Protein backbone atom coordinates (compact mmCIF):
# COMPACT_ATOMS: atom_id res chain seq x y z
CA MET A 1 -75.73 -168.13 117.14
CA GLN A 2 -76.54 -170.19 120.22
CA ALA A 3 -75.12 -167.46 122.47
CA SER A 4 -77.06 -164.80 120.60
CA PHE A 5 -80.35 -166.54 121.35
CA GLY A 6 -79.60 -167.74 124.86
CA ALA A 7 -82.19 -166.99 127.53
CA SER A 8 -80.12 -164.05 128.82
CA ALA A 9 -79.00 -162.64 125.46
CA ALA A 10 -79.58 -159.01 124.55
CA THR A 11 -81.11 -160.31 121.30
CA TRP A 12 -84.36 -160.95 123.15
CA VAL A 13 -84.46 -157.40 124.48
CA LEU A 14 -83.94 -156.03 120.97
CA LEU A 15 -86.54 -158.40 119.51
CA GLN A 16 -88.98 -157.41 122.23
CA GLN A 17 -88.29 -153.76 121.51
CA VAL A 18 -88.84 -154.07 117.77
CA ILE A 19 -92.08 -156.02 118.09
CA VAL A 20 -93.60 -154.28 121.11
CA ARG A 21 -92.79 -150.75 120.02
CA GLY A 22 -93.80 -151.63 116.47
CA LEU A 23 -97.22 -152.78 117.70
CA VAL A 24 -97.59 -149.66 119.85
CA ALA A 25 -96.64 -147.50 116.86
CA VAL A 26 -99.16 -149.23 114.60
CA LYS A 27 -101.88 -148.82 117.23
CA PHE A 28 -101.33 -145.14 118.02
CA LEU A 29 -100.59 -144.01 114.49
CA ALA A 30 -103.58 -145.86 113.03
CA ILE A 31 -105.94 -144.67 115.77
CA GLY A 32 -104.48 -141.15 115.49
CA ARG A 33 -105.21 -141.10 111.76
CA ILE A 34 -108.75 -142.40 112.37
CA LEU A 35 -109.69 -140.14 115.28
CA GLY A 36 -107.62 -136.96 114.83
CA PRO A 37 -105.78 -134.69 117.33
CA ALA A 38 -108.72 -133.89 119.66
CA ALA A 39 -109.46 -137.54 120.55
CA ILE A 40 -105.78 -138.31 121.07
CA GLY A 41 -105.59 -135.25 123.32
CA SER A 42 -108.45 -136.59 125.47
CA VAL A 43 -106.73 -139.96 125.86
CA SER A 44 -103.47 -138.15 126.68
CA VAL A 45 -105.14 -136.38 129.60
CA ALA A 46 -106.40 -139.72 130.97
CA LEU A 47 -102.95 -141.28 130.69
CA LEU A 48 -101.44 -138.10 132.14
CA ALA A 49 -103.53 -138.57 135.27
CA VAL A 50 -102.31 -142.17 135.59
CA ALA A 51 -98.68 -141.11 135.15
CA ILE A 52 -98.98 -138.41 137.81
CA ALA A 53 -100.55 -140.72 140.39
CA GLU A 54 -98.11 -143.59 139.72
CA SER A 55 -95.07 -141.34 139.91
CA LEU A 56 -96.13 -139.79 143.20
CA SER A 57 -96.65 -143.25 144.72
CA ASP A 58 -93.64 -145.04 143.20
CA THR A 59 -92.10 -147.36 145.81
CA GLY A 60 -88.89 -148.14 143.94
CA LEU A 61 -89.22 -151.77 145.04
CA ALA A 62 -88.83 -153.21 141.56
CA GLN A 63 -85.43 -151.59 141.06
CA ALA A 64 -84.38 -152.46 144.62
CA VAL A 65 -85.13 -156.16 144.06
CA ILE A 66 -83.11 -156.15 140.82
CA GLN A 67 -80.13 -154.26 142.26
CA GLY A 68 -79.93 -155.99 145.66
CA ARG A 69 -76.99 -158.26 146.40
CA GLU A 70 -79.14 -161.15 147.63
CA SER A 71 -82.09 -162.66 145.78
CA PRO A 72 -85.40 -162.03 147.62
CA THR A 73 -87.10 -164.84 149.55
CA ARG A 74 -90.70 -165.84 148.92
CA ALA A 75 -91.71 -164.07 152.13
CA GLU A 76 -90.03 -160.86 150.96
CA LEU A 77 -91.75 -161.15 147.59
CA SER A 78 -95.08 -161.49 149.39
CA ALA A 79 -94.42 -158.21 151.21
CA VAL A 80 -93.43 -156.59 147.91
CA TRP A 81 -96.69 -157.81 146.32
CA THR A 82 -98.75 -156.53 149.26
CA THR A 83 -97.15 -153.10 148.98
CA LEU A 84 -97.58 -152.85 145.21
CA ALA A 85 -101.16 -154.15 145.24
CA ALA A 86 -102.14 -151.66 147.97
CA ARG A 87 -100.48 -148.90 146.00
CA GLY A 88 -102.37 -149.88 142.82
CA MET A 89 -105.71 -149.88 144.65
CA PHE A 90 -105.00 -146.51 146.26
CA VAL A 91 -104.02 -144.92 142.94
CA ALA A 92 -107.10 -146.31 141.19
CA LEU A 93 -109.47 -144.92 143.84
CA LEU A 94 -107.67 -141.59 143.75
CA LEU A 95 -108.07 -141.33 139.98
CA VAL A 96 -111.78 -142.13 140.12
CA ALA A 97 -112.27 -139.48 142.80
CA PHE A 98 -110.40 -136.77 140.90
CA ALA A 99 -111.81 -137.57 137.45
CA PRO A 100 -114.47 -134.79 137.57
CA LEU A 101 -111.78 -132.22 138.45
CA MET A 102 -109.53 -133.39 135.60
CA GLN A 103 -112.49 -133.17 133.23
CA SER A 104 -113.19 -129.55 134.08
CA GLN A 105 -109.57 -128.39 134.23
CA PHE A 106 -108.62 -129.81 130.82
CA HIS A 107 -111.83 -128.90 128.97
CA LEU A 108 -112.91 -132.52 128.42
CA GLY A 109 -116.67 -132.26 128.21
CA GLY A 110 -118.28 -135.72 128.18
CA SER A 111 -115.03 -137.62 128.91
CA LEU A 112 -115.62 -138.49 132.58
CA LEU A 113 -115.96 -142.23 131.88
CA LEU A 114 -112.76 -142.14 129.82
CA LEU A 115 -110.84 -140.78 132.80
CA GLN A 116 -112.39 -143.34 135.14
CA LEU A 117 -111.55 -146.21 132.79
CA ALA A 118 -107.88 -145.23 132.96
CA ALA A 119 -107.99 -145.86 136.73
CA ALA A 120 -108.06 -149.61 136.03
CA LEU A 121 -104.48 -149.53 134.71
CA PRO A 122 -102.58 -148.98 138.01
CA LEU A 123 -104.79 -151.53 139.78
CA ILE A 124 -104.06 -154.23 137.19
CA ARG A 125 -100.33 -153.45 137.24
CA GLY A 126 -100.28 -153.54 141.04
CA ILE A 127 -101.61 -157.09 141.33
CA ALA A 128 -99.05 -158.58 138.93
CA SER A 129 -96.61 -161.10 140.42
CA PRO A 130 -93.35 -159.63 141.76
CA ALA A 131 -91.65 -162.71 140.35
CA TYR A 132 -91.37 -160.52 137.24
CA PHE A 133 -88.64 -158.53 139.02
CA VAL A 134 -86.79 -161.74 139.92
CA VAL A 135 -86.89 -162.79 136.27
CA GLN A 136 -85.40 -159.41 135.35
CA ARG A 137 -82.78 -159.74 138.08
CA GLU A 138 -81.78 -163.17 136.75
CA ARG A 139 -81.69 -161.77 133.19
CA ARG A 140 -84.18 -164.23 131.74
CA PHE A 141 -84.91 -161.89 128.87
CA GLN A 142 -86.39 -164.56 126.63
CA HIS A 143 -89.16 -165.13 129.15
CA ILE A 144 -89.78 -161.40 129.59
CA ALA A 145 -89.94 -160.90 125.83
CA GLY A 146 -92.62 -163.58 125.47
CA VAL A 147 -94.82 -161.96 128.12
CA GLU A 148 -94.36 -158.40 126.85
CA ILE A 149 -94.95 -159.30 123.19
CA SER A 150 -98.12 -161.23 124.04
CA ALA A 151 -99.51 -158.29 126.02
CA ALA A 152 -98.59 -155.78 123.30
CA PHE A 153 -100.23 -157.89 120.58
CA ALA A 154 -103.45 -158.09 122.61
CA ASP A 155 -103.36 -154.33 123.25
CA CYS A 156 -102.83 -153.48 119.57
CA ALA A 157 -105.35 -155.94 118.12
CA ILE A 158 -108.13 -155.06 120.56
CA GLY A 159 -107.48 -151.31 120.37
CA LEU A 160 -107.61 -151.27 116.56
CA ALA A 161 -110.71 -153.47 116.50
CA CYS A 162 -112.48 -151.11 118.90
CA ALA A 163 -111.42 -148.04 116.90
CA LEU A 164 -112.72 -149.52 113.66
CA ALA A 165 -115.94 -150.49 115.45
CA GLY A 166 -116.53 -146.85 116.42
CA ALA A 167 -115.41 -146.85 120.07
CA GLY A 168 -113.60 -143.52 119.60
CA ALA A 169 -111.04 -142.49 122.20
CA TYR A 170 -112.10 -145.40 124.41
CA ALA A 171 -110.42 -147.78 121.94
CA VAL A 172 -106.95 -146.81 123.17
CA LEU A 173 -107.75 -147.47 126.84
CA ILE A 174 -109.74 -150.66 126.24
CA GLY A 175 -106.76 -152.16 124.44
CA MET A 176 -104.37 -151.06 127.20
CA VAL A 177 -106.56 -152.46 130.00
CA LEU A 178 -106.91 -155.86 128.36
CA GLY A 179 -103.22 -155.96 127.42
CA GLU A 180 -102.17 -155.19 131.01
CA SER A 181 -104.62 -157.83 132.27
CA LEU A 182 -103.00 -160.47 130.07
CA LYS A 183 -99.53 -159.43 131.23
CA SER A 184 -100.45 -159.64 134.92
CA THR A 185 -102.03 -163.04 134.36
CA LEU A 186 -98.93 -164.35 132.60
CA THR A 187 -96.64 -163.18 135.43
CA TRP A 188 -98.55 -165.46 137.81
CA ALA A 189 -99.01 -168.33 135.38
CA THR A 190 -95.46 -168.59 133.99
CA MET A 191 -92.99 -166.99 136.45
CA GLN A 192 -91.29 -168.41 139.53
CA PRO A 193 -90.98 -168.11 142.47
CA ARG A 194 -94.64 -167.35 143.17
CA PRO A 195 -95.01 -165.42 146.44
CA PRO A 196 -97.64 -166.51 148.98
CA LEU A 197 -100.86 -164.56 148.48
CA LYS A 198 -101.12 -163.12 151.95
CA VAL A 199 -101.10 -159.61 153.31
CA THR A 200 -97.73 -158.88 154.93
CA TRP A 201 -95.69 -155.72 155.21
CA SER A 202 -92.53 -156.87 157.00
CA GLY A 203 -89.19 -158.07 155.68
CA ILE A 204 -88.38 -155.47 153.02
CA GLY A 205 -86.94 -152.66 155.16
CA HIS A 206 -83.48 -153.24 153.68
CA TYR A 207 -84.82 -152.12 150.28
CA ILE A 208 -85.86 -148.71 151.56
CA GLY A 209 -82.41 -147.06 151.45
CA PHE A 210 -82.11 -147.69 147.71
CA SER A 211 -85.77 -147.37 146.78
CA ARG A 212 -86.20 -143.94 148.39
CA TRP A 213 -83.94 -142.47 145.72
CA ILE A 214 -86.01 -144.19 143.05
CA TRP A 215 -89.14 -142.60 144.54
CA ALA A 216 -87.47 -139.19 144.67
CA SER A 217 -86.36 -139.60 141.07
CA SER A 218 -89.90 -140.59 140.05
CA VAL A 219 -91.40 -137.50 141.67
CA VAL A 220 -88.90 -135.22 139.96
CA ASN A 221 -89.35 -137.03 136.65
CA LEU A 222 -93.08 -136.49 137.02
CA VAL A 223 -92.47 -132.75 136.79
CA LEU A 224 -90.04 -133.22 133.91
CA ASN A 225 -92.19 -135.56 131.84
CA GLN A 226 -95.65 -134.16 132.50
CA PHE A 227 -95.20 -130.44 133.23
CA ASP A 228 -95.16 -129.51 129.54
CA LYS A 229 -98.23 -131.63 128.78
CA ILE A 230 -100.14 -130.15 131.70
CA LEU A 231 -99.26 -126.66 130.48
CA VAL A 232 -100.29 -127.34 126.88
CA GLY A 233 -103.51 -129.16 127.86
CA LYS A 234 -104.55 -126.53 130.40
CA LEU A 235 -103.81 -123.49 128.22
CA LEU A 236 -104.57 -124.73 124.72
CA GLY A 237 -107.05 -127.62 125.08
CA PRO A 238 -107.16 -131.24 123.86
CA ALA A 239 -106.61 -130.58 120.13
CA GLN A 240 -103.27 -128.79 120.68
CA LEU A 241 -102.33 -131.34 123.31
CA GLY A 242 -103.05 -134.10 120.79
CA ALA A 243 -100.66 -132.55 118.24
CA TYR A 244 -98.01 -131.98 120.93
CA GLN A 245 -98.40 -135.49 122.31
CA MET A 246 -98.36 -137.25 118.94
CA SER A 247 -95.21 -135.47 117.76
CA SER A 248 -93.56 -136.33 121.08
CA ARG A 249 -94.73 -139.94 120.97
CA LEU A 250 -93.62 -140.46 117.38
CA ALA A 251 -90.16 -139.10 118.19
CA GLN A 252 -90.05 -141.31 121.26
CA MET A 253 -90.99 -144.40 119.25
CA LEU A 254 -88.26 -143.72 116.72
CA LEU A 255 -85.51 -142.81 119.19
CA ALA A 256 -85.93 -143.08 122.95
CA ASP A 257 -87.95 -146.29 123.19
CA ALA A 258 -85.07 -148.43 121.95
CA ALA A 259 -82.78 -147.11 124.70
CA ILE A 260 -85.51 -147.39 127.35
CA ALA A 261 -86.12 -151.00 126.36
CA MET A 262 -82.40 -151.72 126.30
CA SER A 263 -82.21 -150.42 129.87
CA GLN A 264 -84.17 -153.56 130.83
CA TYR A 265 -81.07 -155.43 129.68
CA LEU A 266 -78.45 -152.91 130.73
CA PHE A 267 -79.52 -152.34 134.35
CA PRO A 268 -79.38 -155.99 135.47
CA THR A 269 -76.35 -156.62 133.23
CA PHE A 270 -74.38 -153.67 134.61
CA SER A 271 -75.47 -154.73 138.12
CA ALA A 272 -74.21 -158.29 137.61
CA HIS A 273 -70.87 -157.12 136.17
CA HIS A 274 -70.43 -154.52 138.91
CA ARG A 275 -70.96 -157.14 141.63
CA HIS A 276 -68.28 -159.30 139.99
CA ASP A 277 -65.79 -156.72 138.64
CA PRO A 278 -66.49 -152.95 138.80
CA HIS A 279 -63.74 -152.15 136.29
CA ALA A 280 -65.18 -154.54 133.70
CA ALA A 281 -68.61 -152.97 134.23
CA ALA A 282 -67.13 -149.51 133.55
CA ARG A 283 -65.52 -150.69 130.30
CA ILE A 284 -68.76 -152.27 129.07
CA PHE A 285 -70.69 -149.11 129.93
CA LYS A 286 -68.33 -146.91 127.91
CA LEU A 287 -68.71 -149.14 124.84
CA TYR A 288 -72.51 -148.98 125.04
CA LEU A 289 -72.44 -145.21 125.52
CA LEU A 290 -70.14 -144.65 122.52
CA ALA A 291 -72.27 -146.84 120.25
CA ALA A 292 -75.49 -145.18 121.39
CA GLY A 293 -74.14 -141.65 120.91
CA ALA A 294 -72.86 -142.27 117.37
CA GLY A 295 -76.08 -143.96 116.27
CA LEU A 296 -78.32 -141.26 117.72
CA VAL A 297 -76.56 -138.44 115.87
CA LEU A 298 -77.18 -140.13 112.52
CA VAL A 299 -80.83 -140.90 113.30
CA VAL A 300 -81.58 -137.34 114.46
CA ILE A 301 -80.19 -135.84 111.25
CA ALA A 302 -82.23 -138.24 109.10
CA LEU A 303 -85.49 -137.70 110.97
CA ARG A 304 -85.27 -133.92 110.87
CA LEU A 305 -84.80 -134.06 107.09
CA LEU A 306 -87.72 -136.48 106.59
CA ALA A 307 -90.15 -134.97 109.12
CA ALA A 308 -92.68 -133.39 106.71
CA PRO A 309 -93.10 -136.35 104.33
CA LEU A 310 -93.20 -138.73 107.31
CA PHE A 311 -96.15 -136.90 108.89
CA SER A 312 -97.96 -136.52 105.58
CA LEU A 313 -97.62 -140.21 104.76
CA VAL A 314 -98.28 -141.72 108.19
CA LEU A 315 -100.79 -139.38 109.84
CA GLY A 316 -102.27 -137.28 107.06
CA PRO A 317 -102.67 -133.53 106.45
CA ALA A 318 -104.56 -132.88 109.72
CA TRP A 319 -101.29 -133.47 111.62
CA MET A 320 -98.94 -131.30 109.52
CA PRO A 321 -98.89 -128.39 112.07
CA ALA A 322 -97.07 -130.77 114.43
CA VAL A 323 -94.00 -131.09 112.14
CA PRO A 324 -91.98 -128.22 113.75
CA LEU A 325 -92.59 -129.78 117.17
CA PHE A 326 -91.44 -133.17 115.91
CA LYS A 327 -88.12 -131.70 114.73
CA ILE A 328 -87.48 -130.43 118.26
CA PHE A 329 -88.62 -133.64 119.90
CA VAL A 330 -86.20 -135.84 117.96
CA VAL A 331 -83.39 -133.88 119.63
CA ASN A 332 -85.08 -134.25 123.02
CA MET A 333 -85.62 -137.96 122.62
CA ALA A 334 -82.02 -138.52 121.54
CA LEU A 335 -80.91 -136.90 124.79
CA GLY A 336 -83.47 -139.03 126.61
CA ALA A 337 -81.98 -142.16 125.03
CA LEU A 338 -78.52 -141.25 126.31
CA ILE A 339 -79.97 -140.56 129.74
CA ALA A 340 -81.56 -144.04 129.81
CA VAL A 341 -78.12 -145.62 129.36
CA LEU A 342 -76.57 -143.34 131.97
CA VAL A 343 -79.30 -144.01 134.54
CA SER A 344 -78.95 -147.79 134.06
CA TYR A 345 -75.26 -147.61 134.92
CA LEU A 346 -75.61 -145.19 137.82
CA ARG A 347 -78.30 -147.30 139.46
CA ALA A 348 -76.32 -150.48 138.82
CA VAL A 349 -73.34 -149.13 140.74
CA GLY A 350 -75.59 -147.94 143.57
CA ASP A 351 -75.43 -144.23 142.73
CA ALA A 352 -79.17 -143.67 142.25
CA ARG A 353 -78.67 -140.28 143.92
CA ALA A 354 -76.84 -138.91 140.87
CA ALA A 355 -79.82 -139.53 138.59
CA THR A 356 -82.10 -137.75 141.06
CA GLN A 357 -79.71 -134.80 141.28
CA ALA A 358 -79.67 -134.56 137.49
CA SER A 359 -83.46 -134.53 137.44
CA VAL A 360 -83.55 -131.72 140.03
CA MET A 361 -81.16 -129.69 137.86
CA GLN A 362 -83.42 -130.32 134.90
CA VAL A 363 -86.44 -129.05 136.86
CA ILE A 364 -84.58 -125.87 137.81
CA VAL A 365 -83.63 -125.20 134.18
CA LEU A 366 -87.18 -126.01 133.07
CA PHE A 367 -88.78 -123.54 135.46
CA ALA A 368 -86.23 -120.87 134.54
CA VAL A 369 -86.44 -121.27 130.76
CA VAL A 370 -90.01 -122.32 129.93
CA PRO A 371 -91.93 -119.16 131.04
CA PRO A 372 -89.95 -116.70 128.88
CA ALA A 373 -89.65 -119.24 126.03
CA THR A 374 -93.42 -119.80 126.07
CA HIS A 375 -94.01 -116.05 125.98
CA LEU A 376 -91.70 -115.61 122.99
CA TRP A 377 -92.34 -118.77 120.93
CA GLY A 378 -95.48 -120.42 122.31
CA VAL A 379 -95.69 -124.19 122.24
CA THR A 380 -92.33 -124.56 120.44
CA GLY A 381 -90.76 -122.57 123.28
CA ILE A 382 -91.99 -125.23 125.72
CA ALA A 383 -90.35 -127.93 123.61
CA TRP A 384 -87.03 -126.04 123.43
CA GLY A 385 -87.19 -125.50 127.19
CA MET A 386 -87.33 -129.28 127.58
CA THR A 387 -84.21 -129.52 125.39
CA ALA A 388 -82.27 -127.19 127.68
CA GLY A 389 -83.23 -129.21 130.74
CA LEU A 390 -82.37 -132.56 129.16
CA GLY A 391 -78.98 -131.25 128.04
CA THR A 392 -78.18 -130.12 131.58
CA ALA A 393 -79.15 -133.50 133.05
CA THR A 394 -77.08 -135.36 130.46
CA LEU A 395 -73.95 -133.36 131.20
CA TRP A 396 -74.26 -133.89 134.96
CA MET A 397 -74.74 -137.66 134.65
CA LEU A 398 -71.83 -137.92 132.24
CA TYR A 399 -69.67 -136.22 134.84
CA ARG A 400 -70.85 -138.55 137.60
CA THR A 401 -70.51 -141.75 135.59
CA PHE A 402 -66.95 -141.03 134.49
CA ARG A 403 -66.00 -139.98 137.99
CA VAL A 404 -67.37 -143.30 139.34
CA SER A 405 -65.72 -145.36 136.60
């Protein structure tokens, strides 16, 4: 029992996952039921803009700090903070400047302020303390769980309060902004070592070799994760995008989020084991992969059978047209969960290139399959096109991981 609740135990990652994703689920499902598909579609466009800008400017420094053989000095952390803060400011200004264009392209009349409010998110994330990455590197998961749960609770409580008070689509973003603000504050108040608050750019050149592959992967993943949403939002408008996004998000909450959260544990854990004994790291990876695969098969079968009553009970009759999409997305998110485990191991052993190559393959399949699938089956064709791409990426990473191990 003591080992299970030690500061570095996976129990804290699982507890964080259950609570944080549970709060996110309560927030989005409740607000979705209150506001309907069109409002959720408008918020999705705002968050889509943030995701695009952050992916294009991803430095990969967080992963490089975690994976590096030596722990960063305070001077190096100061350079990391300078880089990330400058990136956050640049992204925020870019989003404000392009908000009118996004409004016109995605048919969001009267939502200019909503898009501009979303620009605060990358700025707040950028000024957080890079000591957070050191805490991840040292596997202090209890500490991370406390910070993440506190931020998620603030996000959920404030977002729901604003929705009930009549704030509309703004409720989602107001909660997110205040939740991210609390998280950034806690990284400075509770985490060590605190870097000096001075502008410096030198001392982190040795991270570039690893981080460039993270950046490349982020750019490719931008196409993979946002291409379908851009297509749906541009062609069909916010209401259809809301249905598409909610079915995707619900499937993600029920399947992929657990694996993504576990990657916070797996990446530093695989890295630590690989530094000590590569063969032991390979054995641990295979056990995690086997357990994840068996569990996902059972969950996918259950969710596809329960899709219609789940939507009727949780979201109401207005969301029932999204049920066929949800049945496809549970398959997609199961593949995404497997990919999260595979990426954690590949990056831990220093083979970040393999994950990027898999993403490129996925893009090629996506561009080849989606146009004819969209012509034949509409929005469900887009979802099945994503399935084909995810399956290709999974097979390639399986090949690379077993060749490495």
